[in-house]
Structures are given as C-alpha cells and as structure tokens.
Amino acid sequence: MAKAKTVYVCSECGNDSPKWVGKCPNCNAWNTYVEEVVVKQPTNKQPLPGLLSGEKPRPVLLRDITTQEEVRLDLGNVELNRVLGGGLVKGSLVLIGGEPGIGKSTLVLQTVLGLKGLKTLYVSGEESSRQLKLRADRLSSENPDCYILCETNLEQIFAQANNVKPDLMIIDSIQTMFTEQVESSPGSVSQVRECSAAILKYAKETGTPVLLIGHINKEGSIAGPKVLEHIVDTVLQFEGDQHYMYRILRSIKNRFSSTAELGIYEMRQAGLRQVNNPSELLLTQNHEGLSGISIAAAIEGMRPFLIETQALVSSAVYGTPQRSATGLDLRRMNMLLAVLEKRAGFKLVQKDVFLNIAGGLRVNDPAIDLAVISAILSSSLDISIETGICMCGEVGLSGEIRLVNRIEQRILEAEKLGFKRIIIPHNNLKGFDMAKCDIRIVQVKKVEEAFRQLFG
C-alpha cells in the first residue's frame, strides 16, 4: 500500500516545505504555499504510456556533435511564424498564455484548421467536441486531418496519440490535465509540473511539436509553478483588451529564435485577422484641426509602426489634479510633466492630464516621449499639430532629446505612409543616407527646439 503524506508547495517556484510558511524562502513570495497530498510510489512503477524507452544518453565530446538547421513546420500564419522565428520546430514544446476570452483557443484552432496535409490532434479539457465544431464552423475553415479528443487523463491522451501518430498536438489547457501517478487535483502545482514534464518527454522522443494553452493569474503572469515556463521551449503571451479589437502576440522566451518579434491581430466575428501593416489601422484618418494629437514613430519588438498619441488637458475641478494614462506607464507620464514644467516653463500643476495610446495598445518604447509631451502641450495651448508630421525621441530629465535605436526603420516607415516631416534627436543619423529619402528630417537637441518646429 502506497504511503501518503502532506507537503506544502510554493505555487510560484515549486519549492516544498513540510509545514506551511507565509513567505517562501526560495523566491520570497508571500502566501503562495498550497497543501499537496503526495503518495510515494513503489520503486518498480511503470512509466507513462506513450513514452519511448530509448537508449540512455552517453557523454559526447563537443567537437563530435554535428549541428544543422532546425526543421520547422510552416503554420500558414505569417504573424505566428514571425514570433516563433520562422515556424514551429519539430519536437518543441510551446506554451501560449493569456487572459480568459482573449482568443487563445481561437488563434490555435484557426491555425490548425488552416493546415493542409498535417495530421493534428486537438486535445480539449475545457470544451466539448460539439463546442469545438461550432467554433470551427464560425471560423469558416476545416482541416480534414484534424482529430478532436475531449480528455483530461494524460495516460489516455498518450494512448490515443500512439494510435493517431499526429504531426502536431495541442493541449487545451495544461491546467485541466492530470496524471494518475500524482494524488492531487488537476491544476495543482504537482499535476502541472508532472504533466508538463511528461508532455515534454513525449515531444522530444517522438519529434512531435506540442502547443500548450495555459491560464494566467490575476497579476497577469502564467498560472502554475514557475518551473512550467522553465520546462517549455517557447513561451508566448497573447495580450490585448477585450473592449478593443487588436491583439498582440509576444515572445517571452524562445530557445530557437529571438524574443524581439511580435505579431498583431485584429479580432473579428470570423476569427482573428493578421495585421500586416498596423500603422494604417492605428492612425485616425481625419484629425486635422484637432488639438492634443501627435504621431509617434515607435518600435515594438522588431517592427516599426506609427501610433497616435492623444492627450487632454483641462482645469482641475478638485484641489488635487487628476493624472491618468492608458497604454503608457503613469510614472513616466508624471516624469514628462515635471520636465515640461521645470525645463520648458509650462505650468500644468493645476491641470488635469489624461493620456491615451490609440488602439488599446500598451507601448513601452521610450522613443514616444517626444510625441507624448507634444500632445500634452498641444492640448494645453489648444493648438493643433500640423498633419504630415511625426516624431520620435526619448526625453531626458534635463530636457534634452536623447538618441533612439533603429532610426532608419522609423524614418522609412513614416515615409512609406506619406508623412512629409519627421522630428528626430540630433546626431541620430550616423551612417544613414538622407538623400535617398523624400521625407524632410528635422534634428533637435532640446524640447524647446521641438516645440518651435511644431508650434512656431
């Protein structure tokens, strides 16, 4: 008879303790220990079905190891292929996380239904086969080689996978899976850790790529122990606001490519549509004569795009003025307001300031600082910025315009969209041939120079 005992496991890092503690000594997180029942298995326990019993690895000299280009599967989705680094590597384990209802299952199912000639096994632990069929009909595409399995038992999933022998397997979601070798409920730390490790071994030994869909917690990070993100090869984050139609797919970790890429999608009734040129969708076509609007040349990942920055400055109704920022860090906006008051002489201490990045996107590029303070000043003076002008530049505490990276991509993107003038930091054009551009490039050193170019 197996002997059971109770341990407490940290849900953040997986560290265990014989008793409950308030603060984890390993990761210093508070109130993360949960109770788990561990059953000691006999030493002659059988491995999970579906795992191959190959030869044990032996040490090999580094010079004797041969390398070659990783074999990748083309998923037929340009944005997803870009984030993955050119496609899905065979035998890799990819984790996709995001908020509930953001479109994780829609993205994966739509991609799977578009694959032709690849045998796919879609394992769902949250939806029935009828629900998946209704979603597939709404997406208006169907893959004849797509198998649906509604199961949460990992042993049964491996047994069916051995029969089907798929080219691609999807697990939706990892928090619903459980193995009989661990005596705890699905979604617990032990179940998530053991199931993900078993799926990784299956992917590596059979060469079958596996896509895992994971939940996130209220802080926005992927739910479950942190060891889950260490086990997988790639971690993708699907972001966006449910009230907006744009979604961003970011790569947090990728063992086979760079994490600097991102994909942009637009949520529609018939599924997700790939946005190849996000600049045209993020810009309002008719804002001539409106104050408080400026265009920033930003870069997210490796992609340049122009984004609209909106600001509203009004007299404070209450004694304490309000400060609100959507899509930008509020602390950075407060710093820019202090620079405007201290270095440029504009008094905003008794003004309410509201800032919004159009499209519901959250931008972390510091090069939009110049566009932010220009939009704020435009709203405060009630003077509109001339159409056809965009800008980029990081604003320092002394009021200087600091250099930004990849300035060539920003300039070419602005020229492609028909802008006539771009304001950039001084001496940011080292090695760039200005003669090949039709756009007028204005270089500034201080915020005062930028304001003279914009407002005269």
Foldseek 3Di string as FASTA:
>chain_A
DWDKAKWWAFFAAGDIGRDDDQADPPPRDGPRIDIFIFTDDDPPDDDFPQFDDDDDDDDDDPVPDDDDDFDFDDLVDVQVCVQQVRHHGFLFEEEEEEAPPLQPVLVVLLSVLPDEPFQEEEEAQDDDPVVSVVLVVLLVGGYPRYHYHDDQELSVVSVVCVVSVGQEYEYHALQSHAYPNGPDHRNAQVRSVVSLLVVSSSRNRSRHYYYHYFYPDPVTHTGGYPVSVVSGQWYWYWDFDPVFFKIKIFTPHHNNDDRLGMWMWGQDSSTTDGDPACQVVQDDPDPPLFALKAWEFADGRHATHIWIKGKAKAFAPDPAAAFEEQQEDSVVLVLLVLLCCPQVPDDRRRIHMYIYTGRRHRDDGQFCSLVNVRSHVRNVVVHHFDPLEHETFHADNNQWTDADPPVVNSQVNSQVVPRAEYEHAPPNQVPNDPVVGNHHYHHDTGSVVVCVVGPD
